[in-house]
C-alpha atoms as a PDB file:
ATOM      1  CA  MET A   1       0.007  -0.107   0.033  1.00  0.00           C
ATOM      2  CA  LEU A   2       1.217   3.492  -0.851  1.00  0.00           C
ATOM      3  CA  ILE A   3       2.313   5.663   1.987  1.00  0.00           C
ATOM      4  CA  MET A   4       0.624   9.187   1.865  1.00  0.00           C
ATOM      5  CA  ASP A   5       0.856  11.839   4.480  1.00  0.00           C
ATOM      6  CA  ASN A   6       0.625  15.532   4.980  1.00  0.00           C
ATOM      7  CA  ILE A   7       4.344  16.172   5.216  1.00  0.00           C
ATOM      8  CA  ASP A   8       6.644  17.333   2.464  1.00  0.00           C
ATOM      9  CA  ARG A   9       9.579  15.142   3.153  1.00  0.00           C
ATOM     10  CA  LYS A  10      12.107  17.570   1.578  1.00  0.00           C
ATOM     11  CA  ASN A  11      11.254  20.449   3.778  1.00  0.00           C
ATOM     12  CA  ASN A  12       9.727  18.347   6.662  1.00  0.00           C
ATOM     13  CA  LYS A  13       6.691  20.617   7.025  1.00  0.00           C
ATOM     14  CA  ILE A  14       2.905  20.422   6.310  1.00  0.00           C
ATOM     15  CA  ILE A  15       1.959  21.455   2.693  1.00  0.00           C
ATOM     16  CA  TYR A  16      -0.155  24.658   2.490  1.00  0.00           C
ATOM     17  CA  PRO A  17      -1.601  24.454   6.004  1.00  0.00           C
ATOM     18  CA  ASP A  18      -3.290  27.903   5.950  1.00  0.00           C
ATOM     19  CA  LEU A  19      -4.975  27.240   2.577  1.00  0.00           C
ATOM     20  CA  SER A  20      -6.159  23.787   3.563  1.00  0.00           C
ATOM     21  CA  TYR A  21      -7.694  25.191   6.870  1.00  0.00           C
ATOM     22  CA  LYS A  22      -9.687  27.837   4.849  1.00  0.00           C
ATOM     23  CA  ILE A  23     -10.812  25.221   2.324  1.00  0.00           C
ATOM     24  CA  THR A  24     -11.709  22.707   5.131  1.00  0.00           C
ATOM     25  CA  GLY A  25     -13.783  25.518   6.857  1.00  0.00           C
ATOM     26  CA  ILE A  26     -15.730  26.145   3.735  1.00  0.00           C
ATOM     27  CA  LEU A  27     -16.211  22.432   3.136  1.00  0.00           C
ATOM     28  CA  PHE A  28     -17.729  22.146   6.665  1.00  0.00           C
ATOM     29  CA  SER A  29     -19.998  25.123   6.061  1.00  0.00           C
ATOM     30  CA  VAL A  30     -21.274  23.507   2.719  1.00  0.00           C
ATOM     31  CA  HIS A  31     -21.876  20.190   4.494  1.00  0.00           C
ATOM     32  CA  ASN A  32     -23.776  21.934   7.354  1.00  0.00           C
ATOM     33  CA  GLU A  33     -25.980  23.902   4.886  1.00  0.00           C
ATOM     34  CA  LEU A  34     -26.792  21.086   2.440  1.00  0.00           C
ATOM     35  CA  GLY A  35     -26.527  17.982   4.705  1.00  0.00           C
ATOM     36  CA  GLN A  36     -25.310  14.662   3.451  1.00  0.00           C
ATOM     37  CA  TYR A  37     -27.801  13.746   0.682  1.00  0.00           C
ATOM     38  CA  ALA A  38     -27.529  16.624  -1.912  1.00  0.00           C
ATOM     39  CA  ARG A  39     -26.020  16.071  -5.359  1.00  0.00           C
ATOM     40  CA  GLU A  40     -22.341  16.571  -6.211  1.00  0.00           C
ATOM     41  CA  LYS A  41     -23.324  19.658  -8.344  1.00  0.00           C
ATOM     42  CA  GLN A  42     -25.199  21.283  -5.552  1.00  0.00           C
ATOM     43  CA  TYR A  43     -22.086  21.077  -3.197  1.00  0.00           C
ATOM     44  CA  GLY A  44     -19.896  22.406  -5.999  1.00  0.00           C
ATOM     45  CA  ASP A  45     -22.310  25.342  -6.628  1.00  0.00           C
ATOM     46  CA  LEU A  46     -22.427  26.264  -3.034  1.00  0.00           C
ATOM     47  CA  LEU A  47     -18.683  25.908  -2.736  1.00  0.00           C
ATOM     48  CA  GLU A  48     -18.125  28.108  -5.598  1.00  0.00           C
ATOM     49  CA  ASN A  49     -20.394  30.852  -4.005  1.00  0.00           C
ATOM     50  CA  LYS A  50     -18.290  30.575  -0.717  1.00  0.00           C
ATOM     51  CA  LEU A  51     -14.932  30.740  -2.491  1.00  0.00           C
ATOM     52  CA  ASN A  52     -16.227  34.068  -4.324  1.00  0.00           C
ATOM     53  CA  GLU A  53     -17.409  35.437  -0.866  1.00  0.00           C
ATOM     54  CA  ILE A  54     -13.848  35.279   0.481  1.00  0.00           C
ATOM     55  CA  ASN A  55     -12.227  36.010  -2.811  1.00  0.00           C
ATOM     56  CA  LEU A  56     -10.191  32.843  -2.880  1.00  0.00           C
ATOM     57  CA  PRO A  57      -9.089  32.248  -6.462  1.00  0.00           C
ATOM     58  CA  TYR A  58     -10.074  29.015  -8.086  1.00  0.00           C
ATOM     59  CA  GLU A  59     -10.681  27.198 -11.341  1.00  0.00           C
ATOM     60  CA  ARG A  60     -13.873  24.922 -11.535  1.00  0.00           C
ATOM     61  CA  GLU A  61     -14.314  21.799 -13.828  1.00  0.00           C
ATOM     62  CA  VAL A  62     -10.858  21.984 -15.266  1.00  0.00           C
ATOM     63  CA  ARG A  63     -10.352  19.614 -18.300  1.00  0.00           C
ATOM     64  CA  ILE A  64      -7.218  17.458 -17.872  1.00  0.00           C
ATOM     65  CA  SER A  65      -5.349  17.205 -21.244  1.00  0.00           C
ATOM     66  CA  ASN A  66      -7.142  15.191 -23.896  1.00  0.00           C
ATOM     67  CA  SER A  67      -8.170  12.377 -21.575  1.00  0.00           C
ATOM     68  CA  GLY A  68     -11.863  13.750 -21.191  1.00  0.00           C
ATOM     69  CA  ASN A  69     -11.421  13.919 -17.460  1.00  0.00           C
ATOM     70  CA  VAL A  70     -12.509  16.989 -15.581  1.00  0.00           C
ATOM     71  CA  LEU A  71     -11.411  17.726 -11.989  1.00  0.00           C
ATOM     72  CA  ASP A  72     -13.682  19.647  -9.763  1.00  0.00           C
ATOM     73  CA  PHE A  73     -11.573  22.494  -8.600  1.00  0.00           C
ATOM     74  CA  ILE A  74      -8.071  23.894  -8.517  1.00  0.00           C
ATOM     75  CA  ILE A  75      -7.859  26.408  -5.538  1.00  0.00           C
ATOM     76  CA  ASP A  76      -5.328  29.206  -5.525  1.00  0.00           C
ATOM     77  CA  LYS A  77      -3.373  27.396  -8.244  1.00  0.00           C
ATOM     78  CA  LYS A  78      -2.009  25.039  -5.441  1.00  0.00           C
ATOM     79  CA  ASN A  79      -4.841  22.546  -4.391  1.00  0.00           C
ATOM     80  CA  VAL A  80      -6.741  20.120  -6.440  1.00  0.00           C
ATOM     81  CA  LEU A  81     -10.167  19.509  -4.745  1.00  0.00           C
ATOM     82  CA  GLU A  82     -12.219  16.592  -5.758  1.00  0.00           C
ATOM     83  CA  LEU A  83     -15.853  16.390  -4.508  1.00  0.00           C
ATOM     84  CA  LYS A  84     -17.760  13.142  -4.103  1.00  0.00           C
ATOM     85  CA  SER A  85     -21.177  12.307  -2.911  1.00  0.00           C
ATOM     86  CA  VAL A  86     -20.890   8.433  -2.612  1.00  0.00           C
ATOM     87  CA  VAL A  87     -21.556   5.797  -0.083  1.00  0.00           C
ATOM     88  CA  ALA A  88     -17.790   5.332   0.568  1.00  0.00           C
ATOM     89  CA  ILE A  89     -14.520   6.576  -0.722  1.00  0.00           C
ATOM     90  CA  ASN A  90     -12.518   3.807  -2.529  1.00  0.00           C
ATOM     91  CA  ARG A  91      -9.030   3.214  -4.078  1.00  0.00           C
ATOM     92  CA  ASP A  92     -10.285   4.495  -7.487  1.00  0.00           C
ATOM     93  CA  ASN A  93     -11.167   7.916  -5.919  1.00  0.00           C
ATOM     94  CA  TYR A  94      -7.570   8.127  -4.433  1.00  0.00           C
ATOM     95  CA  ARG A  95      -6.074   7.049  -7.777  1.00  0.00           C
ATOM     96  CA  GLN A  96      -8.197   9.706  -9.608  1.00  0.00           C
ATOM     97  CA  VAL A  97      -6.906  12.538  -7.338  1.00  0.00           C
ATOM     98  CA  GLN A  98      -3.281  11.232  -7.750  1.00  0.00           C
ATOM     99  CA  ASN A  99      -3.578  11.215 -11.462  1.00  0.00           C
ATOM    100  CA  TYR A 100      -4.915  14.838 -11.394  1.00  0.00           C
ATOM    101  CA  LEU A 101      -1.875  15.773  -9.233  1.00  0.00           C
ATOM    102  CA  GLN A 102       0.474  14.191 -11.671  1.00  0.00           C
ATOM    103  CA  VAL A 103      -1.137  15.798 -14.743  1.00  0.00           C
ATOM    104  CA  THR A 104      -1.333  19.296 -13.083  1.00  0.00           C
ATOM    105  CA  ASN A 105       2.097  18.952 -11.287  1.00  0.00           C
ATOM    106  CA  LEU A 106       0.372  20.351  -8.076  1.00  0.00           C
ATOM    107  CA  LYS A 107       1.633  19.018  -4.763  1.00  0.00           C
ATOM    108  CA  LEU A 108      -1.604  18.564  -2.822  1.00  0.00           C
ATOM    109  CA  GLY A 109      -5.097  17.228  -3.377  1.00  0.00           C
ATOM    110  CA  LEU A 110      -8.004  17.210  -1.056  1.00  0.00           C
ATOM    111  CA  LEU A 111     -10.654  14.436  -1.503  1.00  0.00           C
ATOM    112  CA  VAL A 112     -13.943  15.073   0.219  1.00  0.00           C
ATOM    113  CA  ASN A 113     -17.077  12.835   0.439  1.00  0.00           C
ATOM    114  CA  PHE A 114     -20.105  14.915   1.372  1.00  0.00           C
ATOM    115  CA  ARG A 115     -22.372  11.770   1.755  1.00  0.00           C
ATOM    116  CA  ALA A 116     -20.415  10.965   4.898  1.00  0.00           C
ATOM    117  CA  LYS A 117     -22.275  11.808   8.163  1.00  0.00           C
ATOM    118  CA  TYR A 118     -19.171  13.498   9.620  1.00  0.00           C
ATOM    119  CA  LEU A 119     -17.318  15.371   6.854  1.00  0.00           C
ATOM    120  CA  LYS A 120     -13.676  14.599   6.626  1.00  0.00           C
ATOM    121  CA  SER A 121     -11.293  15.966   3.867  1.00  0.00           C
ATOM    122  CA  ILE A 122      -8.597  13.528   2.858  1.00  0.00           C
ATOM    123  CA  ARG A 123      -5.172  15.102   2.027  1.00  0.00           C
ATOM    124  CA  ILE A 124      -3.269  13.341  -0.833  1.00  0.00           C
ATOM    125  CA  ILE A 125       0.133  14.355  -1.566  1.00  0.00           C
ATOM    126  CA  ARG A 126       1.618  13.979  -5.239  1.00  0.00           C
ATOM    127  CA  ILE A 127       3.764  11.058  -5.434  1.00  0.00           C
ATOM    128  CA  ASP A 128       7.235  11.876  -6.906  1.00  0.00           C
ATOM    129  CA  PRO A 129       7.332   9.302  -9.716  1.00  0.00           C
ATOM    130  CA  ARG A 130      11.171   9.047  -9.449  1.00  0.00           C
ATOM    131  CA  ARG A 131      10.985   8.048  -5.776  1.00  0.00           C
ATOM    132  CA  GLN A 132       7.924   6.107  -4.554  1.00  0.00           C
ATOM    133  CA  GLU A 133       7.581   4.652  -1.138  1.00  0.00           C
ATOM    134  CA  TYR A 134       5.822   1.336  -0.329  1.00  0.00           C
ATOM    135  CA  SER A 135       4.974  -0.457   2.748  1.00  0.00           C
END
């Protein structure tokens, strides 16, 4: 299984803690307003409104190369944010975010499942393809 954590091993510090904190706060607010049974698009629309309210720059529904894949948000040109409204997060969801990180060359992705009773954003660090760690 792939080792993923929140620490940039080169600099030995957490990646984008302030930005992640802001995003997580907005995600909690969205979850509190819509509950756990809305559609993914509804979560995305409300999230977009809240990002605009605090003037946090973002791109929404970004096309990834010629693959036909569309990632939900890139926030502040630093974070990939992938929204889900599913019963449970699975390996394919992690793989999807990791693929987005590889293509965009960004360091950090957040994966969030709004269907969960208690919201939790999952931080996913881009794997350096030249140096992969396995356990």
